[in-house]
C-alpha atoms as a PDB file:
ATOM      1  CA  UNK A   1     -18.059  -1.590  12.704  1.00  0.00           C
ATOM      2  CA  UNK A   2     -20.138  -2.060   9.430  1.00  0.00           C
ATOM      3  CA  UNK A   3     -20.148  -0.100   6.587  1.00  0.00           C
ATOM      4  CA  UNK A   4     -23.806   0.337   5.984  1.00  0.00           C
ATOM      5  CA  UNK A   5     -26.454   0.697   8.259  1.00  0.00           C
ATOM      6  CA  UNK A   6     -30.356   1.215   7.629  1.00  0.00           C
ATOM      7  CA  UNK A   7     -32.843   2.554  10.442  1.00  0.00           C
ATOM      8  CA  UNK A   8     -36.478   3.093  10.468  1.00  0.00           C
ATOM      9  CA  UNK A   9     -37.652   6.650  10.686  1.00  0.00           C
ATOM     10  CA  UNK A  10     -40.917   8.148  11.475  1.00  0.00           C
ATOM     11  CA  UNK A  11     -41.533  11.180   9.396  1.00  0.00           C
ATOM     12  CA  UNK A  12     -43.956  13.821  10.443  1.00  0.00           C
ATOM     13  CA  UNK A  13     -45.117  16.618   8.192  1.00  0.00           C
ATOM     14  CA  UNK A  14     -47.222  19.719   9.498  1.00  0.00           C
ATOM     15  CA  UNK A  15     -47.500  23.282   8.814  1.00  0.00           C
ATOM     16  CA  UNK A  16     -44.020  24.012  10.506  1.00  0.00           C
ATOM     17  CA  UNK A  17     -41.941  21.589   8.506  1.00  0.00           C
ATOM     18  CA  UNK A  18     -40.984  18.135   8.770  1.00  0.00           C
ATOM     19  CA  UNK A  19     -39.744  16.230  11.764  1.00  0.00           C
ATOM     20  CA  UNK A  20     -37.907  12.872  11.399  1.00  0.00           C
ATOM     21  CA  UNK A  21     -37.384  10.671  14.695  1.00  0.00           C
ATOM     22  CA  UNK A  22     -35.360   7.335  14.814  1.00  0.00           C
ATOM     23  CA  UNK A  23     -37.089   5.127  17.446  1.00  0.00           C
ATOM     24  CA  UNK A  24     -33.781   3.050  17.702  1.00  0.00           C
ATOM     25  CA  UNK A  25     -31.478   6.143  18.252  1.00  0.00           C
ATOM     26  CA  UNK A  26     -32.694   8.531  20.966  1.00  0.00           C
ATOM     27  CA  UNK A  27     -31.400  12.084  20.318  1.00  0.00           C
ATOM     28  CA  UNK A  28     -31.175  11.772  16.688  1.00  0.00           C
ATOM     29  CA  UNK A  29     -34.078  13.839  15.659  1.00  0.00           C
ATOM     30  CA  UNK A  30     -33.340  16.017  12.351  1.00  0.00           C
ATOM     31  CA  UNK A  31     -35.767  18.303  10.734  1.00  0.00           C
ATOM     32  CA  UNK A  32     -36.432  19.985   7.528  1.00  0.00           C
ATOM     33  CA  UNK A  33     -38.550  22.570   5.807  1.00  0.00           C
ATOM     34  CA  UNK A  34     -39.966  20.046   3.066  1.00  0.00           C
ATOM     35  CA  UNK A  35     -39.996  16.244   2.484  1.00  0.00           C
ATOM     36  CA  UNK A  36     -37.227  16.340  -0.052  1.00  0.00           C
ATOM     37  CA  UNK A  37     -34.917  18.127   2.449  1.00  0.00           C
ATOM     38  CA  UNK A  38     -35.969  15.603   5.182  1.00  0.00           C
ATOM     39  CA  UNK A  39     -34.688  12.704   3.501  1.00  0.00           C
ATOM     40  CA  UNK A  40     -31.423  14.378   3.019  1.00  0.00           C
ATOM     41  CA  UNK A  41     -31.290  15.627   6.602  1.00  0.00           C
ATOM     42  CA  UNK A  42     -32.316  12.406   7.771  1.00  0.00           C
ATOM     43  CA  UNK A  43     -29.364  10.535   6.019  1.00  0.00           C
ATOM     44  CA  UNK A  44     -26.784  13.200   7.391  1.00  0.00           C
ATOM     45  CA  UNK A  45     -28.188  12.925  11.000  1.00  0.00           C
ATOM     46  CA  UNK A  46     -28.137   9.274  11.048  1.00  0.00           C
ATOM     47  CA  UNK A  47     -24.375   9.175   9.546  1.00  0.00           C
ATOM     48  CA  UNK A  48     -23.282  11.631  12.135  1.00  0.00           C
ATOM     49  CA  UNK A  49     -24.959   9.867  14.971  1.00  0.00           C
ATOM     50  CA  UNK A  50     -23.619   6.428  14.146  1.00  0.00           C
ATOM     51  CA  UNK A  51     -20.243   7.739  13.518  1.00  0.00           C
ATOM     52  CA  UNK A  52     -20.286   9.706  17.091  1.00  0.00           C
ATOM     53  CA  UNK A  53     -21.241   6.296  18.461  1.00  0.00           C
ATOM     54  CA  UNK A  54     -18.566   4.570  16.690  1.00  0.00           C
ATOM     55  CA  UNK A  55     -16.069   7.123  18.203  1.00  0.00           C
ATOM     56  CA  UNK A  56     -17.556   6.871  21.609  1.00  0.00           C
ATOM     57  CA  UNK A  57     -17.262   3.055  21.307  1.00  0.00           C
ATOM     58  CA  UNK A  58     -21.071   2.650  21.877  1.00  0.00           C
ATOM     59  CA  UNK A  59     -22.991  -0.494  20.764  1.00  0.00           C
ATOM     60  CA  UNK A  60     -25.005   0.295  17.636  1.00  0.00           C
ATOM     61  CA  UNK A  61     -28.473  -1.182  18.170  1.00  0.00           C
ATOM     62  CA  UNK A  62     -30.235  -3.723  15.840  1.00  0.00           C
ATOM     63  CA  UNK A  63     -32.943  -1.736  13.883  1.00  0.00           C
ATOM     64  CA  UNK A  64     -36.645  -2.523  15.028  1.00  0.00           C
ATOM     65  CA  UNK A  65     -38.642  -4.334  12.240  1.00  0.00           C
ATOM     66  CA  UNK A  66     -40.622  -1.715  10.763  1.00  0.00           C
ATOM     67  CA  UNK A  67     -43.934  -3.974  11.214  1.00  0.00           C
ATOM     68  CA  UNK A  68     -43.309  -3.457  15.059  1.00  0.00           C
ATOM     69  CA  UNK A  69     -43.360   0.322  15.114  1.00  0.00           C
ATOM     70  CA  UNK A  70     -46.551   2.151  16.056  1.00  0.00           C
ATOM     71  CA  UNK A  71     -47.062   5.467  14.261  1.00  0.00           C
ATOM     72  CA  UNK A  72     -49.910   7.891  14.000  1.00  0.00           C
ATOM     73  CA  UNK A  73     -52.139   9.453  11.366  1.00  0.00           C
ATOM     74  CA  UNK A  74     -50.262  11.760   9.326  1.00  0.00           C
ATOM     75  CA  UNK A  75     -46.873   9.891   9.942  1.00  0.00           C
ATOM     76  CA  UNK A  76     -44.942   7.770   7.541  1.00  0.00           C
ATOM     77  CA  UNK A  77     -42.357   5.309   8.085  1.00  0.00           C
ATOM     78  CA  UNK A  78     -39.288   5.311   5.762  1.00  0.00           C
ATOM     79  CA  UNK A  79     -36.045   3.476   6.077  1.00  0.00           C
ATOM     80  CA  UNK A  80     -32.961   5.844   6.000  1.00  0.00           C
ATOM     81  CA  UNK A  81     -29.665   4.290   4.562  1.00  0.00           C
ATOM     82  CA  UNK A  82     -26.169   5.370   6.201  1.00  0.00           C
ATOM     83  CA  UNK A  83     -23.126   4.347   4.041  1.00  0.00           C
ATOM     84  CA  UNK A  84     -20.485   5.011   6.376  1.00  0.00           C
ATOM     85  CA  UNK A  85     -17.003   4.730   4.446  1.00  0.00           C
ATOM     86  CA  UNK A  86     -17.200   8.050   2.779  1.00  0.00           C
ATOM     87  CA  UNK A  87     -18.727   9.646   5.647  1.00  0.00           C
ATOM     88  CA  UNK A  88     -15.828   8.518   7.751  1.00  0.00           C
ATOM     89  CA  UNK A  89     -13.215   9.479   5.266  1.00  0.00           C
ATOM     90  CA  UNK A  90     -14.918  13.109   5.186  1.00  0.00           C
ATOM     91  CA  UNK A  91     -14.944  13.378   8.755  1.00  0.00           C
ATOM     92  CA  UNK A  92     -10.923  12.157   9.064  1.00  0.00           C
ATOM     93  CA  UNK A  93     -10.221  15.092   6.539  1.00  0.00           C
ATOM     94  CA  UNK A  94     -12.062  17.601   8.462  1.00  0.00           C
ATOM     95  CA  UNK A  95      -9.903  20.454   9.555  1.00  0.00           C
ATOM     96  CA  UNK A  96      -9.163  20.699  13.317  1.00  0.00           C
ATOM     97  CA  UNK A  97      -7.786  23.614  15.123  1.00  0.00           C
ATOM     98  CA  UNK A  98      -5.007  23.171  17.235  1.00  0.00           C
ATOM     99  CA  UNK A  99      -3.421  25.979  19.409  1.00  0.00           C
ATOM    100  CA  UNK A 100       0.721  26.016  19.279  1.00  0.00           C
ATOM    101  CA  UNK A 101       3.056  28.027  21.095  1.00  0.00           C
ATOM    102  CA  UNK A 102       6.051  29.583  19.703  1.00  0.00           C
ATOM    103  CA  UNK A 103       8.688  32.336  20.823  1.00  0.00           C
ATOM    104  CA  UNK A 104       7.700  35.679  19.708  1.00  0.00           C
ATOM    105  CA  UNK A 105      10.601  36.458  18.122  1.00  0.00           C
ATOM    106  CA  UNK A 106       9.880  33.449  15.764  1.00  0.00           C
ATOM    107  CA  UNK A 107       6.647  34.430  14.902  1.00  0.00           C
ATOM    108  CA  UNK A 108       7.962  37.791  14.164  1.00  0.00           C
ATOM    109  CA  UNK A 109      10.050  36.361  11.614  1.00  0.00           C
ATOM    110  CA  UNK A 110       7.590  34.021  10.213  1.00  0.00           C
ATOM    111  CA  UNK A 111       5.278  36.704   9.722  1.00  0.00           C
ATOM    112  CA  UNK A 112       7.898  38.667   8.048  1.00  0.00           C
ATOM    113  CA  UNK A 113       8.177  35.951   5.493  1.00  0.00           C
ATOM    114  CA  UNK A 114       4.566  35.439   5.244  1.00  0.00           C
ATOM    115  CA  UNK A 115       4.384  31.714   6.452  1.00  0.00           C
ATOM    116  CA  UNK A 116       1.358  29.905   6.403  1.00  0.00           C
ATOM    117  CA  UNK A 117       1.327  28.162   9.507  1.00  0.00           C
ATOM    118  CA  UNK A 118      -1.280  25.707   8.905  1.00  0.00           C
ATOM    119  CA  UNK A 119       0.385  24.553   5.793  1.00  0.00           C
ATOM    120  CA  UNK A 120       3.768  24.322   7.518  1.00  0.00           C
ATOM    121  CA  UNK A 121       2.519  22.485  10.279  1.00  0.00           C
ATOM    122  CA  UNK A 122       0.573  19.897   8.192  1.00  0.00           C
ATOM    123  CA  UNK A 123       3.675  19.391   6.080  1.00  0.00           C
ATOM    124  CA  UNK A 124       6.063  18.840   9.065  1.00  0.00           C
ATOM    125  CA  UNK A 125       3.490  16.445  10.717  1.00  0.00           C
ATOM    126  CA  UNK A 126       3.368  14.419   7.527  1.00  0.00           C
ATOM    127  CA  UNK A 127       6.807  14.111   7.165  1.00  0.00           C
ATOM    128  CA  UNK A 128       7.315  13.380  10.894  1.00  0.00           C
ATOM    129  CA  UNK A 129       4.924  10.554  10.572  1.00  0.00           C
ATOM    130  CA  UNK A 130       6.273   9.361   7.138  1.00  0.00           C
ATOM    131  CA  UNK A 131       3.327  10.376   5.388  1.00  0.00           C
ATOM    132  CA  UNK A 132       3.967  10.916   1.723  1.00  0.00           C
ATOM    133  CA  UNK A 133       0.590  10.783  -0.231  1.00  0.00           C
ATOM    134  CA  UNK A 134      -2.956  10.951   0.578  1.00  0.00           C
ATOM    135  CA  UNK A 135      -2.957   7.136  -0.410  1.00  0.00           C
ATOM    136  CA  UNK A 136      -0.461   6.537   2.399  1.00  0.00           C
ATOM    137  CA  UNK A 137      -2.911   8.500   4.925  1.00  0.00           C
ATOM    138  CA  UNK A 138      -5.573   6.462   3.995  1.00  0.00           C
ATOM    139  CA  UNK A 139      -3.344   3.412   4.606  1.00  0.00           C
ATOM    140  CA  UNK A 140      -2.386   4.810   7.787  1.00  0.00           C
ATOM    141  CA  UNK A 141      -5.882   5.277   8.956  1.00  0.00           C
ATOM    142  CA  UNK A 142      -7.283   1.973   7.747  1.00  0.00           C
ATOM    143  CA  UNK A 143      -4.245   0.452   9.671  1.00  0.00           C
ATOM    144  CA  UNK A 144      -5.350   2.455  12.921  1.00  0.00           C
ATOM    145  CA  UNK A 145      -8.746   1.610  12.628  1.00  0.00           C
ATOM    146  CA  UNK A 146      -8.085  -2.079  12.234  1.00  0.00           C
ATOM    147  CA  UNK A 147      -5.909  -1.818  15.461  1.00  0.00           C
ATOM    148  CA  UNK A 148      -8.410  -0.228  17.439  1.00  0.00           C
ATOM    149  CA  UNK A 149     -11.087  -2.759  16.314  1.00  0.00           C
ATOM    150  CA  UNK A 150      -8.819  -5.442  17.096  1.00  0.00           C
ATOM    151  CA  UNK A 151      -8.392  -4.230  20.581  1.00  0.00           C
ATOM    152  CA  UNK A 152     -12.041  -3.628  21.163  1.00  0.00           C
ATOM    153  CA  UNK A 153     -12.612  -7.271  20.138  1.00  0.00           C
ATOM    154  CA  UNK A 154      -9.932  -8.506  22.745  1.00  0.00           C
ATOM    155  CA  UNK A 155     -12.025  -6.605  25.501  1.00  0.00           C
END
């Protein structure tokens, strides 16, 4: 798992907008309304695509040399860079919905006391896992990523 990736993108501008294709990453085809938005969308799509490949333990291909890419008139090639550490952190902090089941009588009392279930569950999980600060959460996440990487290398 690398921290930075750079892949060539073929950018096509027409009357309907801008289409971006990554020859090395089938299925990663963002679009945009104009060229400025295209670069932002291309970077975000590249980061998400690579992140999903990492999560699925897929091999991330080496980028094709731009000199080997054929393109048509009206298309341009650009190198799009994905800086992964902040994107991974963003994805780690993304909210996830969980369904919990509690007795109705407990729900009635909690509503009466205006309990925020999400906040309470987060606090309880942090306490249970021994996470006292965002730094310890980050250290825990890094530890887990290293452990996963170590297991992958042994396979």
